[in-house]
Amino acid sequence: MEKRGIIFDLDGTLWDACAGIAAAWDEYVRLYESAWYEKGVRVKEETVRAACGKTMDIFTAMLLHQLPESEQKRLYEPCCTYEVGYLKVHGANVYPGVQEALRELAKDYHLYIVSNCQEGYIQAFTSWSGLEDVIEDTEDYGTTGKMKADNIRLLMQRNGLDSAIYVGDTEGDYESALQAGIPFVFASYGFGQVSAPVPEVHSIRELAGLCKENEKLFQTVCG
């Protein structure tokens, strides 16, 4: 039997964690880098929202833009670690219907997540959402240091997928799917826009119906 996968982006596709990420990074600076905090260094939600989808090195540079590059690099790892711990406790805004939709999809497809996030971030999502038993495997920039297209291919090969689609909410997600050689579905309710005419869903609840109605989505063979 053909092994079909649905690979999800995370931020803007399955949840919105921008407020929590901003709170975590700002709290870390306040608690552990008080000298910088006293000089007015702050991490704001709108900055996080603009940075979402970027690889973690660029993400860090945007969030800590008030700091010298050497300080950005120094704080990269501790801030990322603190963020993961914070989200595991405080959680984030899981989009309506995500748990139900993914459990329904898991009856017919193998489900995965590939994100440009740090190591442990995807696990914070699966723990908070209660979807550890549904998401079969994950890959991220923090673990491999690779771009999203490379991580999509790596995950497909590791799991022996015959075909797959990638679901995301930005132009970068679309381009990554193209580079990985698989079809893309646009989550139009997310953070970004996609200029190409691609299949789209206005809610995650629509994905199962789209997949069943459009079998051609799964005709691309993973290599």
C-alpha atoms as a PDB file:
ATOM      1  CA  MET A   1       0.000   0.000   0.000  1.00  0.00           C
ATOM      2  CA  GLU A   2       1.235   3.484  -0.879  1.00  0.00           C
ATOM      3  CA  LYS A   3       2.489   5.440   2.139  1.00  0.00           C
ATOM      4  CA  ARG A   4       1.088   8.965   1.958  1.00  0.00           C
ATOM      5  CA  GLY A   5       2.184  11.783   4.235  1.00  0.00           C
ATOM      6  CA  ILE A   6       0.939  15.226   5.164  1.00  0.00           C
ATOM      7  CA  ILE A   7       3.748  17.427   6.417  1.00  0.00           C
ATOM      8  CA  PHE A   8       2.772  20.567   8.307  1.00  0.00           C
ATOM      9  CA  ASP A   9       4.469  23.845   8.951  1.00  0.00           C
ATOM     10  CA  LEU A  10       3.852  24.909  12.566  1.00  0.00           C
ATOM     11  CA  ASP A  11       3.645  28.674  13.194  1.00  0.00           C
ATOM     12  CA  GLY A  12       0.677  30.174  11.376  1.00  0.00           C
ATOM     13  CA  THR A  13      -0.506  26.725  10.302  1.00  0.00           C
ATOM     14  CA  LEU A  14      -1.228  24.789  13.494  1.00  0.00           C
ATOM     15  CA  TRP A  15      -0.863  27.478  16.182  1.00  0.00           C
ATOM     16  CA  ASP A  16      -0.051  31.122  16.882  1.00  0.00           C
ATOM     17  CA  ALA A  17       2.631  31.331  19.558  1.00  0.00           C
ATOM     18  CA  CYS A  18       3.819  34.891  18.865  1.00  0.00           C
ATOM     19  CA  ALA A  19       2.582  36.359  22.147  1.00  0.00           C
ATOM     20  CA  GLY A  20       4.110  33.529  24.179  1.00  0.00           C
ATOM     21  CA  ILE A  21       7.443  33.685  22.361  1.00  0.00           C
ATOM     22  CA  ALA A  22       7.683  37.430  22.908  1.00  0.00           C
ATOM     23  CA  ALA A  23       6.813  37.018  26.589  1.00  0.00           C
ATOM     24  CA  ALA A  24       9.430  34.278  27.018  1.00  0.00           C
ATOM     25  CA  TRP A  25      12.287  36.183  25.373  1.00  0.00           C
ATOM     26  CA  ASP A  26      11.390  39.421  27.141  1.00  0.00           C
ATOM     27  CA  GLU A  27      11.216  37.596  30.471  1.00  0.00           C
ATOM     28  CA  TYR A  28      14.596  35.985  29.909  1.00  0.00           C
ATOM     29  CA  VAL A  29      16.232  39.342  29.210  1.00  0.00           C
ATOM     30  CA  ARG A  30      14.552  40.878  32.266  1.00  0.00           C
ATOM     31  CA  LEU A  31      15.539  38.055  34.610  1.00  0.00           C
ATOM     32  CA  TYR A  32      19.002  37.096  33.336  1.00  0.00           C
ATOM     33  CA  GLU A  33      20.260  40.051  31.302  1.00  0.00           C
ATOM     34  CA  SER A  34      19.122  42.898  33.522  1.00  0.00           C
ATOM     35  CA  ALA A  35      21.832  45.287  32.288  1.00  0.00           C
ATOM     36  CA  TRP A  36      20.399  45.111  28.789  1.00  0.00           C
ATOM     37  CA  TYR A  37      16.832  45.271  30.080  1.00  0.00           C
ATOM     38  CA  GLU A  38      17.634  48.428  32.005  1.00  0.00           C
ATOM     39  CA  LYS A  39      18.972  49.925  28.765  1.00  0.00           C
ATOM     40  CA  GLY A  40      15.566  49.412  27.167  1.00  0.00           C
ATOM     41  CA  VAL A  41      16.002  46.097  25.346  1.00  0.00           C
ATOM     42  CA  ARG A  42      12.533  44.626  24.859  1.00  0.00           C
ATOM     43  CA  VAL A  43      11.066  41.831  22.727  1.00  0.00           C
ATOM     44  CA  LYS A  44       7.640  42.663  21.331  1.00  0.00           C
ATOM     45  CA  GLU A  45       4.948  40.467  19.815  1.00  0.00           C
ATOM     46  CA  GLU A  46       4.858  42.385  16.525  1.00  0.00           C
ATOM     47  CA  THR A  47       8.583  41.726  16.061  1.00  0.00           C
ATOM     48  CA  VAL A  48       8.063  38.003  16.654  1.00  0.00           C
ATOM     49  CA  ARG A  49       5.190  37.962  14.180  1.00  0.00           C
ATOM     50  CA  ALA A  50       7.354  39.564  11.504  1.00  0.00           C
ATOM     51  CA  ALA A  51      10.162  37.074  12.181  1.00  0.00           C
ATOM     52  CA  CYS A  52       8.063  33.889  12.201  1.00  0.00           C
ATOM     53  CA  GLY A  53       9.053  31.431   9.498  1.00  0.00           C
ATOM     54  CA  LYS A  54      12.660  32.598   9.378  1.00  0.00           C
ATOM     55  CA  THR A  55      15.482  30.254  10.383  1.00  0.00           C
ATOM     56  CA  MET A  56      16.472  30.675  14.017  1.00  0.00           C
ATOM     57  CA  ASP A  57      19.653  32.654  13.339  1.00  0.00           C
ATOM     58  CA  ILE A  58      17.681  35.296  11.426  1.00  0.00           C
ATOM     59  CA  PHE A  59      14.820  35.065  13.933  1.00  0.00           C
ATOM     60  CA  THR A  60      17.204  35.816  16.804  1.00  0.00           C
ATOM     61  CA  ALA A  61      18.773  38.747  14.982  1.00  0.00           C
ATOM     62  CA  MET A  62      15.328  40.273  14.450  1.00  0.00           C
ATOM     63  CA  LEU A  63      14.140  39.781  18.034  1.00  0.00           C
ATOM     64  CA  LEU A  64      17.375  41.061  19.561  1.00  0.00           C
ATOM     65  CA  HIS A  65      18.034  43.748  16.949  1.00  0.00           C
ATOM     66  CA  GLN A  66      18.840  46.259  19.689  1.00  0.00           C
ATOM     67  CA  LEU A  67      21.911  44.249  20.685  1.00  0.00           C
ATOM     68  CA  PRO A  68      25.336  43.940  19.045  1.00  0.00           C
ATOM     69  CA  GLU A  69      25.745  40.870  16.827  1.00  0.00           C
ATOM     70  CA  SER A  70      28.066  39.222  19.339  1.00  0.00           C
ATOM     71  CA  GLU A  71      25.391  39.517  22.030  1.00  0.00           C
ATOM     72  CA  GLN A  72      22.719  38.171  19.700  1.00  0.00           C
ATOM     73  CA  LYS A  73      24.833  35.084  19.114  1.00  0.00           C
ATOM     74  CA  ARG A  74      25.546  34.688  22.834  1.00  0.00           C
ATOM     75  CA  LEU A  75      21.870  34.858  23.778  1.00  0.00           C
ATOM     76  CA  TYR A  76      20.603  32.677  20.921  1.00  0.00           C
ATOM     77  CA  GLU A  77      20.784  29.334  22.693  1.00  0.00           C
ATOM     78  CA  PRO A  78      19.662  30.353  26.203  1.00  0.00           C
ATOM     79  CA  CYS A  79      16.713  32.368  24.868  1.00  0.00           C
ATOM     80  CA  CYS A  80      15.617  29.486  22.629  1.00  0.00           C
ATOM     81  CA  THR A  81      15.847  27.016  25.502  1.00  0.00           C
ATOM     82  CA  TYR A  82      13.934  29.324  27.832  1.00  0.00           C
ATOM     83  CA  GLU A  83      11.232  29.806  25.191  1.00  0.00           C
ATOM     84  CA  VAL A  84      10.637  26.059  24.834  1.00  0.00           C
ATOM     85  CA  GLY A  85      10.283  25.650  28.599  1.00  0.00           C
ATOM     86  CA  TYR A  86       7.968  28.640  28.792  1.00  0.00           C
ATOM     87  CA  LEU A  87       5.667  27.337  26.054  1.00  0.00           C
ATOM     88  CA  LYS A  88       5.485  23.882  27.611  1.00  0.00           C
ATOM     89  CA  VAL A  89       4.058  25.526  30.743  1.00  0.00           C
ATOM     90  CA  HIS A  90       2.037  28.422  29.323  1.00  0.00           C
ATOM     91  CA  GLY A  91       1.182  27.062  25.864  1.00  0.00           C
ATOM     92  CA  ALA A  92      -0.041  29.093  22.912  1.00  0.00           C
ATOM     93  CA  ASN A  93      -3.062  29.612  20.691  1.00  0.00           C
ATOM     94  CA  VAL A  94      -3.740  26.308  18.935  1.00  0.00           C
ATOM     95  CA  TYR A  95      -6.004  27.098  15.988  1.00  0.00           C
ATOM     96  CA  PRO A  96      -9.632  25.978  16.328  1.00  0.00           C
ATOM     97  CA  GLY A  97     -10.244  22.447  15.163  1.00  0.00           C
ATOM     98  CA  VAL A  98      -6.579  21.414  14.913  1.00  0.00           C
ATOM     99  CA  GLN A  99      -6.792  18.469  17.297  1.00  0.00           C
ATOM    100  CA  GLU A 100      -9.973  17.098  15.731  1.00  0.00           C
ATOM    101  CA  ALA A 101      -8.785  17.675  12.163  1.00  0.00           C
ATOM    102  CA  LEU A 102      -5.414  15.988  12.650  1.00  0.00           C
ATOM    103  CA  ARG A 103      -6.947  12.984  14.384  1.00  0.00           C
ATOM    104  CA  GLU A 104      -9.334  12.610  11.461  1.00  0.00           C
ATOM    105  CA  LEU A 105      -6.497  12.946   8.919  1.00  0.00           C
ATOM    106  CA  ALA A 106      -4.400  10.380  10.809  1.00  0.00           C
ATOM    107  CA  LYS A 107      -6.932   7.703   9.876  1.00  0.00           C
ATOM    108  CA  ASP A 108      -5.845   7.924   6.218  1.00  0.00           C
ATOM    109  CA  TYR A 109      -2.431   9.651   6.184  1.00  0.00           C
ATOM    110  CA  HIS A 110       0.836   9.732   8.095  1.00  0.00           C
ATOM    111  CA  LEU A 111       1.310  13.131   9.762  1.00  0.00           C
ATOM    112  CA  TYR A 112       4.544  15.069  10.303  1.00  0.00           C
ATOM    113  CA  ILE A 113       5.829  18.561  11.132  1.00  0.00           C
ATOM    114  CA  VAL A 114       8.808  20.374   9.597  1.00  0.00           C
ATOM    115  CA  SER A 115       9.599  23.859  10.876  1.00  0.00           C
ATOM    116  CA  ASN A 116      12.430  26.417  10.848  1.00  0.00           C
ATOM    117  CA  CYS A 117      12.328  26.472  14.655  1.00  0.00           C
ATOM    118  CA  GLN A 118      14.796  25.485  17.358  1.00  0.00           C
ATOM    119  CA  GLU A 119      15.144  21.976  18.770  1.00  0.00           C
ATOM    120  CA  GLY A 120      12.336  21.173  21.208  1.00  0.00           C
ATOM    121  CA  TYR A 121       9.862  23.769  19.914  1.00  0.00           C
ATOM    122  CA  ILE A 122       7.747  21.302  17.927  1.00  0.00           C
ATOM    123  CA  GLN A 123       7.608  19.049  20.981  1.00  0.00           C
ATOM    124  CA  ALA A 124       6.288  21.992  23.027  1.00  0.00           C
ATOM    125  CA  PHE A 125       3.428  22.192  20.531  1.00  0.00           C
ATOM    126  CA  THR A 126       2.653  18.461  20.494  1.00  0.00           C
ATOM    127  CA  SER A 127       2.730  18.341  24.291  1.00  0.00           C
ATOM    128  CA  TRP A 128       0.473  21.381  24.733  1.00  0.00           C
ATOM    129  CA  SER A 129      -1.979  20.256  22.046  1.00  0.00           C
ATOM    130  CA  GLY A 130      -2.010  16.613  23.133  1.00  0.00           C
ATOM    131  CA  LEU A 131      -1.025  15.406  19.662  1.00  0.00           C
ATOM    132  CA  GLU A 132       2.116  13.419  20.519  1.00  0.00           C
ATOM    133  CA  ASP A 133       0.408  10.210  19.431  1.00  0.00           C
ATOM    134  CA  VAL A 134      -0.676  11.650  16.067  1.00  0.00           C
ATOM    135  CA  ILE A 135       2.503  13.329  14.808  1.00  0.00           C
ATOM    136  CA  GLU A 136       4.763  10.461  13.748  1.00  0.00           C
ATOM    137  CA  ASP A 137       8.006  12.363  13.159  1.00  0.00           C
ATOM    138  CA  THR A 138       9.373  15.919  13.032  1.00  0.00           C
ATOM    139  CA  GLU A 139      12.356  17.847  11.734  1.00  0.00           C
ATOM    140  CA  ASP A 140      13.599  21.369  12.389  1.00  0.00           C
ATOM    141  CA  TYR A 141      16.374  23.837  11.654  1.00  0.00           C
ATOM    142  CA  GLY A 142      17.699  23.711  15.216  1.00  0.00           C
ATOM    143  CA  THR A 143      18.393  19.989  14.989  1.00  0.00           C
ATOM    144  CA  THR A 144      19.900  19.779  11.497  1.00  0.00           C
ATOM    145  CA  GLY A 145      21.027  23.321  10.649  1.00  0.00           C
ATOM    146  CA  LYS A 146      19.433  22.739   7.235  1.00  0.00           C
ATOM    147  CA  MET A 147      16.901  24.780   5.288  1.00  0.00           C
ATOM    148  CA  LYS A 148      13.255  23.727   5.261  1.00  0.00           C
ATOM    149  CA  ALA A 149      13.319  22.071   1.814  1.00  0.00           C
ATOM    150  CA  ASP A 150      16.254  19.910   2.887  1.00  0.00           C
ATOM    151  CA  ASN A 151      14.492  18.962   6.105  1.00  0.00           C
ATOM    152  CA  ILE A 152      11.324  18.033   4.201  1.00  0.00           C
ATOM    153  CA  ARG A 153      13.330  15.707   1.951  1.00  0.00           C
ATOM    154  CA  LEU A 154      15.203  14.292   4.947  1.00  0.00           C
ATOM    155  CA  LEU A 155      11.970  13.488   6.763  1.00  0.00           C
ATOM    156  CA  MET A 156      10.375  11.926   3.664  1.00  0.00           C
ATOM    157  CA  GLN A 157      13.360   9.686   3.067  1.00  0.00           C
ATOM    158  CA  ARG A 158      13.633   8.691   6.713  1.00  0.00           C
ATOM    159  CA  ASN A 159       9.982   7.663   6.839  1.00  0.00           C
ATOM    160  CA  GLY A 160       9.869   5.945   3.448  1.00  0.00           C
ATOM    161  CA  LEU A 161       7.046   8.072   2.059  1.00  0.00           C
ATOM    162  CA  ASP A 162       5.796   7.303  -1.436  1.00  0.00           C
ATOM    163  CA  SER A 163       4.034  10.677  -1.718  1.00  0.00           C
ATOM    164  CA  ALA A 164       3.422  13.726   0.431  1.00  0.00           C
ATOM    165  CA  ILE A 165       2.088  17.272   0.533  1.00  0.00           C
ATOM    166  CA  TYR A 166       3.304  20.230   2.572  1.00  0.00           C
ATOM    167  CA  VAL A 167       0.794  22.510   4.326  1.00  0.00           C
ATOM    168  CA  GLY A 168       1.980  26.009   5.211  1.00  0.00           C
ATOM    169  CA  ASP A 169       1.023  29.658   5.348  1.00  0.00           C
ATOM    170  CA  THR A 170       3.802  31.676   3.673  1.00  0.00           C
ATOM    171  CA  GLU A 171       5.555  32.162   0.356  1.00  0.00           C
ATOM    172  CA  GLY A 172       8.643  30.634   1.939  1.00  0.00           C
ATOM    173  CA  ASP A 173       6.683  27.484   2.764  1.00  0.00           C
ATOM    174  CA  TYR A 174       5.479  27.279  -0.831  1.00  0.00           C
ATOM    175  CA  GLU A 175       9.013  27.699  -2.192  1.00  0.00           C
ATOM    176  CA  SER A 176      10.321  25.047   0.209  1.00  0.00           C
ATOM    177  CA  ALA A 177       7.705  22.565  -0.989  1.00  0.00           C
ATOM    178  CA  LEU A 178       8.639  23.297  -4.608  1.00  0.00           C
ATOM    179  CA  GLN A 179      12.322  22.750  -3.850  1.00  0.00           C
ATOM    180  CA  ALA A 180      11.499  19.507  -2.054  1.00  0.00           C
ATOM    181  CA  GLY A 181       9.485  18.345  -5.073  1.00  0.00           C
ATOM    182  CA  ILE A 182       6.091  17.952  -3.419  1.00  0.00           C
ATOM    183  CA  PRO A 183       2.718  19.730  -3.773  1.00  0.00           C
ATOM    184  CA  PHE A 184       1.778  22.609  -1.485  1.00  0.00           C
ATOM    185  CA  VAL A 185      -1.495  23.497   0.235  1.00  0.00           C
ATOM    186  CA  PHE A 186      -1.873  27.079   1.444  1.00  0.00           C
ATOM    187  CA  ALA A 187      -3.291  27.668   4.940  1.00  0.00           C
ATOM    188  CA  SER A 188      -4.848  31.032   4.088  1.00  0.00           C
ATOM    189  CA  TYR A 189      -5.853  31.719   7.714  1.00  0.00           C
ATOM    190  CA  GLY A 190      -2.188  31.983   8.770  1.00  0.00           C
ATOM    191  CA  PHE A 191       0.446  34.709   8.852  1.00  0.00           C
ATOM    192  CA  GLY A 192       1.402  35.168   5.210  1.00  0.00           C
ATOM    193  CA  GLN A 193       0.387  35.182   1.578  1.00  0.00           C
ATOM    194  CA  VAL A 194       1.191  32.993  -1.436  1.00  0.00           C
ATOM    195  CA  SER A 195       1.185  34.521  -4.910  1.00  0.00           C
ATOM    196  CA  ALA A 196       0.946  31.252  -6.874  1.00  0.00           C
ATOM    197  CA  PRO A 197      -2.424  29.615  -7.678  1.00  0.00           C
ATOM    198  CA  VAL A 198      -2.300  26.672  -5.276  1.00  0.00           C
ATOM    199  CA  PRO A 199      -4.951  24.659  -3.410  1.00  0.00           C
ATOM    200  CA  GLU A 200      -5.891  26.386  -0.175  1.00  0.00           C
ATOM    201  CA  VAL A 201      -7.891  25.890   2.980  1.00  0.00           C
ATOM    202  CA  HIS A 202      -9.519  28.642   5.027  1.00  0.00           C
ATOM    203  CA  SER A 203      -9.587  26.431   8.106  1.00  0.00           C
ATOM    204  CA  ILE A 204      -7.631  23.319   9.045  1.00  0.00           C
ATOM    205  CA  ARG A 205     -11.008  21.561   9.180  1.00  0.00           C
ATOM    206  CA  GLU A 206     -11.201  21.784   5.359  1.00  0.00           C
ATOM    207  CA  LEU A 207      -8.007  19.805   4.741  1.00  0.00           C
ATOM    208  CA  ALA A 208      -9.454  16.292   4.939  1.00  0.00           C
ATOM    209  CA  GLY A 209     -12.113  17.153   2.381  1.00  0.00           C
ATOM    210  CA  LEU A 210      -9.594  18.778   0.052  1.00  0.00           C
ATOM    211  CA  CYS A 211      -7.332  15.719   0.168  1.00  0.00           C
ATOM    212  CA  LYS A 212     -10.170  13.319  -0.567  1.00  0.00           C
ATOM    213  CA  GLU A 213     -11.535  15.459  -3.411  1.00  0.00           C
ATOM    214  CA  ASN A 214      -8.151  16.036  -5.033  1.00  0.00           C
ATOM    215  CA  GLU A 215      -6.296  12.732  -5.229  1.00  0.00           C
ATOM    216  CA  LYS A 216      -3.851  14.260  -7.728  1.00  0.00           C
ATOM    217  CA  LEU A 217      -2.219  16.062  -4.800  1.00  0.00           C
ATOM    218  CA  PHE A 218      -0.581  12.770  -3.862  1.00  0.00           C
ATOM    219  CA  GLN A 219       0.722  11.749  -7.285  1.00  0.00           C
ATOM    220  CA  THR A 220       4.178  13.209  -6.721  1.00  0.00           C
ATOM    221  CA  VAL A 221       6.648  10.456  -5.882  1.00  0.00           C
ATOM    222  CA  CYS A 222       9.137  11.278  -3.163  1.00  0.00           C
ATOM    223  CA  GLY A 223      12.732  10.686  -4.096  1.00  0.00           C
END
